[in-house]
Amino acid sequence: FNEVVEAFTQQKPGEPLSYIYGTTIYR
């Protein structure tokens, strides 16, 4: 879950979480 936590911290307001590298469908 290290990439997931990093994606939570990098998410910007209004940005879909699936667009961030660590939380894509594949990841």
PDB file of all heavy atoms in Angstrom:
ATOM      1  N   PHE A   1       0.810  -1.215   0.000  1.00  0.00           N
ATOM      2  CA  PHE A   1       0.000   0.000   0.000  1.00  0.00           C
ATOM      3  C   PHE A   1       0.847   1.270   0.000  1.00  0.00           C
ATOM      4  O   PHE A   1       0.330   2.364   0.214  1.00  0.00           O
ATOM      5  CB  PHE A   1      -0.934   0.029   1.210  1.00  0.00           C
ATOM      6  CG  PHE A   1      -2.166  -0.813   1.058  1.00  0.00           C
ATOM      7  CD1 PHE A   1      -2.938  -1.141   2.165  1.00  0.00           C
ATOM      8  CD2 PHE A   1      -2.568  -1.262  -0.178  1.00  0.00           C
ATOM      9  CE1 PHE A   1      -4.088  -1.911   2.024  1.00  0.00           C
ATOM     10  CE2 PHE A   1      -3.701  -2.036  -0.331  1.00  0.00           C
ATOM     11  CZ  PHE A   1      -4.469  -2.365   0.768  1.00  0.00           C
ATOM     12  N   ASN A   2       2.137   1.152  -0.218  1.00  0.00           N
ATOM     13  CA  ASN A   2       2.975   2.344  -0.169  1.00  0.00           C
ATOM     14  C   ASN A   2       2.652   3.306  -1.315  1.00  0.00           C
ATOM     15  O   ASN A   2       2.596   4.522  -1.132  1.00  0.00           O
ATOM     16  CB  ASN A   2       4.442   1.948  -0.209  1.00  0.00           C
ATOM     17  CG  ASN A   2       4.769   1.051  -1.402  1.00  0.00           C
ATOM     18  OD1 ASN A   2       3.949   0.238  -1.805  1.00  0.00           O
ATOM     19  ND2 ASN A   2       5.967   1.210  -1.974  1.00  0.00           N
ATOM     20  N   GLU A   3       2.407   2.766  -2.537  1.00  0.00           N
ATOM     21  CA  GLU A   3       2.053   3.632  -3.656  1.00  0.00           C
ATOM     22  C   GLU A   3       0.659   4.221  -3.475  1.00  0.00           C
ATOM     23  O   GLU A   3       0.399   5.358  -3.897  1.00  0.00           O
ATOM     24  CB  GLU A   3       2.129   2.840  -4.973  1.00  0.00           C
ATOM     25  CG  GLU A   3       3.550   2.426  -5.347  1.00  0.00           C
ATOM     26  CD  GLU A   3       3.586   1.682  -6.671  1.00  0.00           C
ATOM     27  OE1 GLU A   3       2.472   1.399  -7.203  1.00  0.00           O
ATOM     28  OE2 GLU A   3       4.687   1.407  -7.167  1.00  0.00           O
ATOM     29  N   VAL A   4      -0.257   3.440  -2.873  1.00  0.00           N
ATOM     30  CA  VAL A   4      -1.613   3.944  -2.645  1.00  0.00           C
ATOM     31  C   VAL A   4      -1.583   5.141  -1.708  1.00  0.00           C
ATOM     32  O   VAL A   4      -2.239   6.173  -1.950  1.00  0.00           O
ATOM     33  CB  VAL A   4      -2.508   2.824  -2.083  1.00  0.00           C
ATOM     34  CG1 VAL A   4      -3.883   3.376  -1.712  1.00  0.00           C
ATOM     35  CG2 VAL A   4      -2.629   1.689  -3.092  1.00  0.00           C
ATOM     36  N   VAL A   5      -0.817   5.031  -0.619  1.00  0.00           N
ATOM     37  CA  VAL A   5      -0.728   6.146   0.339  1.00  0.00           C
ATOM     38  C   VAL A   5      -0.081   7.352  -0.328  1.00  0.00           C
ATOM     39  O   VAL A   5      -0.502   8.502  -0.129  1.00  0.00           O
ATOM     40  CB  VAL A   5       0.058   5.702   1.594  1.00  0.00           C
ATOM     41  CG1 VAL A   5       0.321   6.886   2.507  1.00  0.00           C
ATOM     42  CG2 VAL A   5      -0.684   4.619   2.334  1.00  0.00           C
ATOM     43  N   GLU A   6       0.932   7.110  -1.190  1.00  0.00           N
ATOM     44  CA  GLU A   6       1.584   8.211  -1.880  1.00  0.00           C
ATOM     45  C   GLU A   6       0.620   8.883  -2.849  1.00  0.00           C
ATOM     46  O   GLU A   6       0.614  10.114  -2.988  1.00  0.00           O
ATOM     47  CB  GLU A   6       2.800   7.685  -2.640  1.00  0.00           C
ATOM     48  CG  GLU A   6       3.631   8.790  -3.285  1.00  0.00           C
ATOM     49  CD  GLU A   6       4.877   8.246  -3.981  1.00  0.00           C
ATOM     50  OE1 GLU A   6       5.111   7.013  -3.875  1.00  0.00           O
ATOM     51  OE2 GLU A   6       5.599   9.045  -4.594  1.00  0.00           O
ATOM     52  N   ALA A   7      -0.259   8.072  -3.503  1.00  0.00           N
ATOM     53  CA  ALA A   7      -1.253   8.643  -4.409  1.00  0.00           C
ATOM     54  C   ALA A   7      -2.273   9.475  -3.649  1.00  0.00           C
ATOM     55  O   ALA A   7      -2.727  10.527  -4.134  1.00  0.00           O
ATOM     56  CB  ALA A   7      -1.940   7.528  -5.188  1.00  0.00           C
ATOM     57  N   PHE A   8      -2.637   9.022  -2.456  1.00  0.00           N
ATOM     58  CA  PHE A   8      -3.580   9.814  -1.631  1.00  0.00           C
ATOM     59  C   PHE A   8      -2.997  11.191  -1.320  1.00  0.00           C
ATOM     60  O   PHE A   8      -3.707  12.195  -1.320  1.00  0.00           O
ATOM     61  CB  PHE A   8      -3.893   9.068  -0.339  1.00  0.00           C
ATOM     62  CG  PHE A   8      -4.799   7.886  -0.528  1.00  0.00           C
ATOM     63  CD1 PHE A   8      -4.856   6.873   0.426  1.00  0.00           C
ATOM     64  CD2 PHE A   8      -5.599   7.774  -1.652  1.00  0.00           C
ATOM     65  CE1 PHE A   8      -5.700   5.788   0.265  1.00  0.00           C
ATOM     66  CE2 PHE A   8      -6.440   6.686  -1.821  1.00  0.00           C
ATOM     67  CZ  PHE A   8      -6.488   5.688  -0.857  1.00  0.00           C
ATOM     68  N   THR A   9      -1.716  11.218  -1.067  1.00  0.00           N
ATOM     69  CA  THR A   9      -1.083  12.494  -0.729  1.00  0.00           C
ATOM     70  C   THR A   9      -0.892  13.377  -1.957  1.00  0.00           C
ATOM     71  O   THR A   9      -0.858  14.609  -1.838  1.00  0.00           O
ATOM     72  CB  THR A   9       0.271  12.232  -0.054  1.00  0.00           C
ATOM     73  OG1 THR A   9       1.098  11.456  -0.952  1.00  0.00           O
ATOM     74  CG2 THR A   9       0.089  11.464   1.249  1.00  0.00           C
ATOM     75  N   GLN A  10      -0.770  12.770  -3.159  1.00  0.00           N
ATOM     76  CA  GLN A  10      -0.532  13.551  -4.369  1.00  0.00           C
ATOM     77  C   GLN A  10      -1.827  14.005  -5.048  1.00  0.00           C
ATOM     78  O   GLN A  10      -1.784  14.848  -5.948  1.00  0.00           O
ATOM     79  CB  GLN A  10       0.287  12.715  -5.366  1.00  0.00           C
ATOM     80  CG  GLN A  10       1.696  12.423  -4.896  1.00  0.00           C
ATOM     81  CD  GLN A  10       2.446  11.528  -5.878  1.00  0.00           C
ATOM     82  OE1 GLN A  10       1.895  11.111  -6.904  1.00  0.00           O
ATOM     83  NE2 GLN A  10       3.723  11.260  -5.563  1.00  0.00           N
ATOM     84  N   GLN A  11      -2.969  13.423  -4.643  1.00  0.00           N
ATOM     85  CA  GLN A  11      -4.231  13.748  -5.314  1.00  0.00           C
ATOM     86  C   GLN A  11      -4.577  15.209  -5.091  1.00  0.00           C
ATOM     87  O   GLN A  11      -4.544  15.713  -3.960  1.00  0.00           O
ATOM     88  CB  GLN A  11      -5.348  12.833  -4.801  1.00  0.00           C
ATOM     89  CG  GLN A  11      -6.658  13.039  -5.519  1.00  0.00           C
ATOM     90  CD  GLN A  11      -7.754  12.143  -4.941  1.00  0.00           C
ATOM     91  OE1 GLN A  11      -7.607  11.558  -3.866  1.00  0.00           O
ATOM     92  NE2 GLN A  11      -8.884  12.060  -5.661  1.00  0.00           N
ATOM     93  N   LYS A  12      -4.955  15.855  -6.217  1.00  0.00           N
ATOM     94  CA  LYS A  12      -5.363  17.250  -6.166  1.00  0.00           C
ATOM     95  C   LYS A  12      -6.870  17.325  -6.146  1.00  0.00           C
ATOM     96  O   LYS A  12      -7.548  16.390  -6.581  1.00  0.00           O
ATOM     97  CB  LYS A  12      -4.808  17.997  -7.376  1.00  0.00           C
ATOM     98  CG  LYS A  12      -3.288  18.018  -7.444  1.00  0.00           C
ATOM     99  CD  LYS A  12      -2.805  18.721  -8.687  1.00  0.00           C
ATOM    100  CE  LYS A  12      -1.280  18.722  -8.765  1.00  0.00           C
ATOM    101  NZ  LYS A  12      -0.778  19.388 -10.004  1.00  0.00           N
ATOM    102  N   PRO A  13      -7.404  18.427  -5.685  1.00  0.00           N
ATOM    103  CA  PRO A  13      -8.865  18.546  -5.664  1.00  0.00           C
ATOM    104  C   PRO A  13      -9.460  18.444  -7.066  1.00  0.00           C
ATOM    105  O   PRO A  13      -9.004  19.114  -8.006  1.00  0.00           O
ATOM    106  CB  PRO A  13      -9.106  19.923  -5.052  1.00  0.00           C
ATOM    107  CG  PRO A  13      -7.864  20.221  -4.290  1.00  0.00           C
ATOM    108  CD  PRO A  13      -6.734  19.569  -5.038  1.00  0.00           C
ATOM    109  N   GLY A  14     -10.460  17.570  -7.242  1.00  0.00           N
ATOM    110  CA  GLY A  14     -11.137  17.391  -8.525  1.00  0.00           C
ATOM    111  C   GLY A  14     -10.452  16.420  -9.459  1.00  0.00           C
ATOM    112  O   GLY A  14     -10.980  16.115 -10.534  1.00  0.00           O
ATOM    113  N   GLU A  15      -9.276  15.973  -9.101  1.00  0.00           N
ATOM    114  CA  GLU A  15      -8.544  15.045  -9.957  1.00  0.00           C
ATOM    115  C   GLU A  15      -8.987  13.628  -9.662  1.00  0.00           C
ATOM    116  O   GLU A  15      -8.970  13.208  -8.495  1.00  0.00           O
ATOM    117  CB  GLU A  15      -7.042  15.194  -9.733  1.00  0.00           C
ATOM    118  CG  GLU A  15      -6.220  14.271 -10.637  1.00  0.00           C
ATOM    119  CD  GLU A  15      -4.726  14.396 -10.351  1.00  0.00           C
ATOM    120  OE1 GLU A  15      -4.364  15.109  -9.356  1.00  0.00           O
ATOM    121  OE2 GLU A  15      -3.926  13.804 -11.073  1.00  0.00           O
ATOM    122  N   PRO A  16      -9.366  12.803 -10.667  1.00  0.00           N
ATOM    123  CA  PRO A  16      -9.750  11.407 -10.419  1.00  0.00           C
ATOM    124  C   PRO A  16      -8.554  10.610  -9.922  1.00  0.00           C
ATOM    125  O   PRO A  16      -7.418  10.803 -10.376  1.00  0.00           O
ATOM    126  CB  PRO A  16     -10.234  10.913 -11.781  1.00  0.00           C
ATOM    127  CG  PRO A  16     -10.593  12.142 -12.540  1.00  0.00           C
ATOM    128  CD  PRO A  16      -9.643  13.210 -12.084  1.00  0.00           C
ATOM    129  N   LEU A  17      -8.839   9.750  -8.949  1.00  0.00           N
ATOM    130  CA  LEU A  17      -7.769   8.958  -8.352  1.00  0.00           C
ATOM    131  C   LEU A  17      -7.195   7.949  -9.344  1.00  0.00           C
ATOM    132  O   LEU A  17      -6.007   7.594  -9.269  1.00  0.00           O
ATOM    133  CB  LEU A  17      -8.307   8.223  -7.102  1.00  0.00           C
ATOM    134  CG  LEU A  17      -7.277   7.512  -6.228  1.00  0.00           C
ATOM    135  CD1 LEU A  17      -6.277   8.517  -5.646  1.00  0.00           C
ATOM    136  CD2 LEU A  17      -7.963   6.767  -5.087  1.00  0.00           C
ATOM    137  N   SER A  18      -8.018   7.512 -10.302  1.00  0.00           N
ATOM    138  CA  SER A  18      -7.550   6.507 -11.256  1.00  0.00           C
ATOM    139  C   SER A  18      -6.535   7.066 -12.249  1.00  0.00           C
ATOM    140  O   SER A  18      -5.857   6.302 -12.952  1.00  0.00           O
ATOM    141  CB  SER A  18      -8.738   5.915 -12.028  1.00  0.00           C
ATOM    142  OG  SER A  18      -9.438   6.930 -12.740  1.00  0.00           O
ATOM    143  N   TYR A  19      -6.384   8.392 -12.301  1.00  0.00           N
ATOM    144  CA  TYR A  19      -5.439   9.002 -13.219  1.00  0.00           C
ATOM    145  C   TYR A  19      -4.032   9.088 -12.619  1.00  0.00           C
ATOM    146  O   TYR A  19      -3.081   9.380 -13.340  1.00  0.00           O
ATOM    147  CB  TYR A  19      -5.903  10.389 -13.618  1.00  0.00           C
ATOM    148  CG  TYR A  19      -7.145  10.402 -14.498  1.00  0.00           C
ATOM    149  CD1 TYR A  19      -7.740  11.613 -14.874  1.00  0.00           C
ATOM    150  CD2 TYR A  19      -7.720   9.209 -14.954  1.00  0.00           C
ATOM    151  CE1 TYR A  19      -8.863  11.636 -15.684  1.00  0.00           C
ATOM    152  CE2 TYR A  19      -8.854   9.230 -15.760  1.00  0.00           C
ATOM    153  CZ  TYR A  19      -9.418  10.439 -16.113  1.00  0.00           C
ATOM    154  OH  TYR A  19     -10.535  10.446 -16.901  1.00  0.00           O
ATOM    155  N   ILE A  20      -3.926   8.846 -11.312  1.00  0.00           N
ATOM    156  CA  ILE A  20      -2.627   8.919 -10.656  1.00  0.00           C
ATOM    157  C   ILE A  20      -1.921   7.584 -10.851  1.00  0.00           C
ATOM    158  O   ILE A  20      -2.528   6.511 -10.788  1.00  0.00           O
ATOM    159  CB  ILE A  20      -2.797   9.255  -9.167  1.00  0.00           C
ATOM    160  CG1 ILE A  20      -3.548  10.593  -9.008  1.00  0.00           C
ATOM    161  CG2 ILE A  20      -1.455   9.327  -8.465  1.00  0.00           C
ATOM    162  CD1 ILE A  20      -3.872  10.939  -7.581  1.00  0.00           C
ATOM    163  N   TYR A  21      -0.611   7.631 -11.021  1.00  0.00           N
ATOM    164  CA  TYR A  21       0.151   6.446 -11.397  1.00  0.00           C
ATOM    165  C   TYR A  21       0.009   5.327 -10.347  1.00  0.00           C
ATOM    166  O   TYR A  21      -0.230   4.172 -10.701  1.00  0.00           O
ATOM    167  CB  TYR A  21       1.628   6.810 -11.577  1.00  0.00           C
ATOM    168  CG  TYR A  21       2.502   5.602 -11.794  1.00  0.00           C
ATOM    169  CD1 TYR A  21       2.524   4.961 -13.038  1.00  0.00           C
ATOM    170  CD2 TYR A  21       3.289   5.088 -10.764  1.00  0.00           C
ATOM    171  CE1 TYR A  21       3.314   3.837 -13.243  1.00  0.00           C
ATOM    172  CE2 TYR A  21       4.069   3.973 -10.966  1.00  0.00           C
ATOM    173  CZ  TYR A  21       4.086   3.333 -12.209  1.00  0.00           C
ATOM    174  OH  TYR A  21       4.873   2.213 -12.390  1.00  0.00           O
ATOM    175  N   GLY A  22       0.111   5.646  -9.116  1.00  0.00           N
ATOM    176  CA  GLY A  22       0.093   4.607  -8.093  1.00  0.00           C
ATOM    177  C   GLY A  22      -1.264   3.971  -7.886  1.00  0.00           C
ATOM    178  O   GLY A  22      -1.358   2.881  -7.296  1.00  0.00           O
ATOM    179  N   THR A  23      -2.333   4.585  -8.376  1.00  0.00           N
ATOM    180  CA  THR A  23      -3.680   4.057  -8.149  1.00  0.00           C
ATOM    181  C   THR A  23      -4.405   3.787  -9.446  1.00  0.00           C
ATOM    182  O   THR A  23      -5.633   3.817  -9.504  1.00  0.00           O
ATOM    183  CB  THR A  23      -4.483   5.050  -7.285  1.00  0.00           C
ATOM    184  OG1 THR A  23      -4.445   6.338  -7.910  1.00  0.00           O
ATOM    185  CG2 THR A  23      -3.952   5.122  -5.879  1.00  0.00           C
ATOM    186  N   THR A  24      -3.678   3.510 -10.495  1.00  0.00           N
ATOM    187  CA  THR A  24      -4.332   3.083 -11.720  1.00  0.00           C
ATOM    188  C   THR A  24      -4.881   1.681 -11.545  1.00  0.00           C
ATOM    189  O   THR A  24      -4.567   0.989 -10.563  1.00  0.00           O
ATOM    190  CB  THR A  24      -3.325   3.112 -12.882  1.00  0.00           C
ATOM    191  OG1 THR A  24      -2.246   2.213 -12.581  1.00  0.00           O
ATOM    192  CG2 THR A  24      -2.779   4.529 -13.110  1.00  0.00           C
ATOM    193  N   ILE A  25      -5.699   1.243 -12.510  1.00  0.00           N
ATOM    194  CA  ILE A  25      -6.322  -0.062 -12.402  1.00  0.00           C
ATOM    195  C   ILE A  25      -5.256  -1.143 -12.300  1.00  0.00           C
ATOM    196  O   ILE A  25      -5.335  -2.045 -11.446  1.00  0.00           O
ATOM    197  CB  ILE A  25      -7.242  -0.320 -13.606  1.00  0.00           C
ATOM    198  CG1 ILE A  25      -8.413   0.680 -13.613  1.00  0.00           C
ATOM    199  CG2 ILE A  25      -7.788  -1.742 -13.572  1.00  0.00           C
ATOM    200  CD1 ILE A  25      -9.330   0.541 -12.444  1.00  0.00           C
ATOM    201  N   TYR A  26      -4.231  -1.037 -13.129  1.00  0.00           N
ATOM    202  CA  TYR A  26      -3.194  -2.053 -13.133  1.00  0.00           C
ATOM    203  C   TYR A  26      -2.431  -2.050 -11.815  1.00  0.00           C
ATOM    204  O   TYR A  26      -2.176  -3.115 -11.226  1.00  0.00           O
ATOM    205  CB  TYR A  26      -2.250  -1.806 -14.325  1.00  0.00           C
ATOM    206  CG  TYR A  26      -1.088  -2.743 -14.353  1.00  0.00           C
ATOM    207  CD1 TYR A  26      -1.241  -4.080 -14.741  1.00  0.00           C
ATOM    208  CD2 TYR A  26       0.177  -2.286 -13.970  1.00  0.00           C
ATOM    209  CE1 TYR A  26      -0.153  -4.942 -14.743  1.00  0.00           C
ATOM    210  CE2 TYR A  26       1.248  -3.141 -13.976  1.00  0.00           C
ATOM    211  CZ  TYR A  26       1.090  -4.472 -14.356  1.00  0.00           C
ATOM    212  OH  TYR A  26       2.179  -5.319 -14.346  1.00  0.00           O
ATOM    213  N   ARG A  27      -2.064  -0.862 -11.340  1.00  0.00           N
ATOM    214  CA  ARG A  27      -1.299  -0.768 -10.091  1.00  0.00           C
ATOM    215  C   ARG A  27      -2.152  -1.195  -8.907  1.00  0.00           C
ATOM    216  O   ARG A  27      -1.656  -1.824  -7.967  1.00  0.00           O
ATOM    217  CB  ARG A  27      -0.799   0.673  -9.892  1.00  0.00           C
ATOM    218  CG  ARG A  27       0.119   1.196 -10.993  1.00  0.00           C
ATOM    219  CD  ARG A  27       1.334   0.333 -11.188  1.00  0.00           C
ATOM    220  NE  ARG A  27       2.181   0.314  -9.998  1.00  0.00           N
ATOM    221  CZ  ARG A  27       3.256  -0.449  -9.869  1.00  0.00           C
ATOM    222  NH1 ARG A  27       3.593  -1.304 -10.847  1.00  0.00           N
ATOM    223  NH2 ARG A  27       3.981  -0.389  -8.784  1.00  0.00           N
TER     224      ARG A  27
END
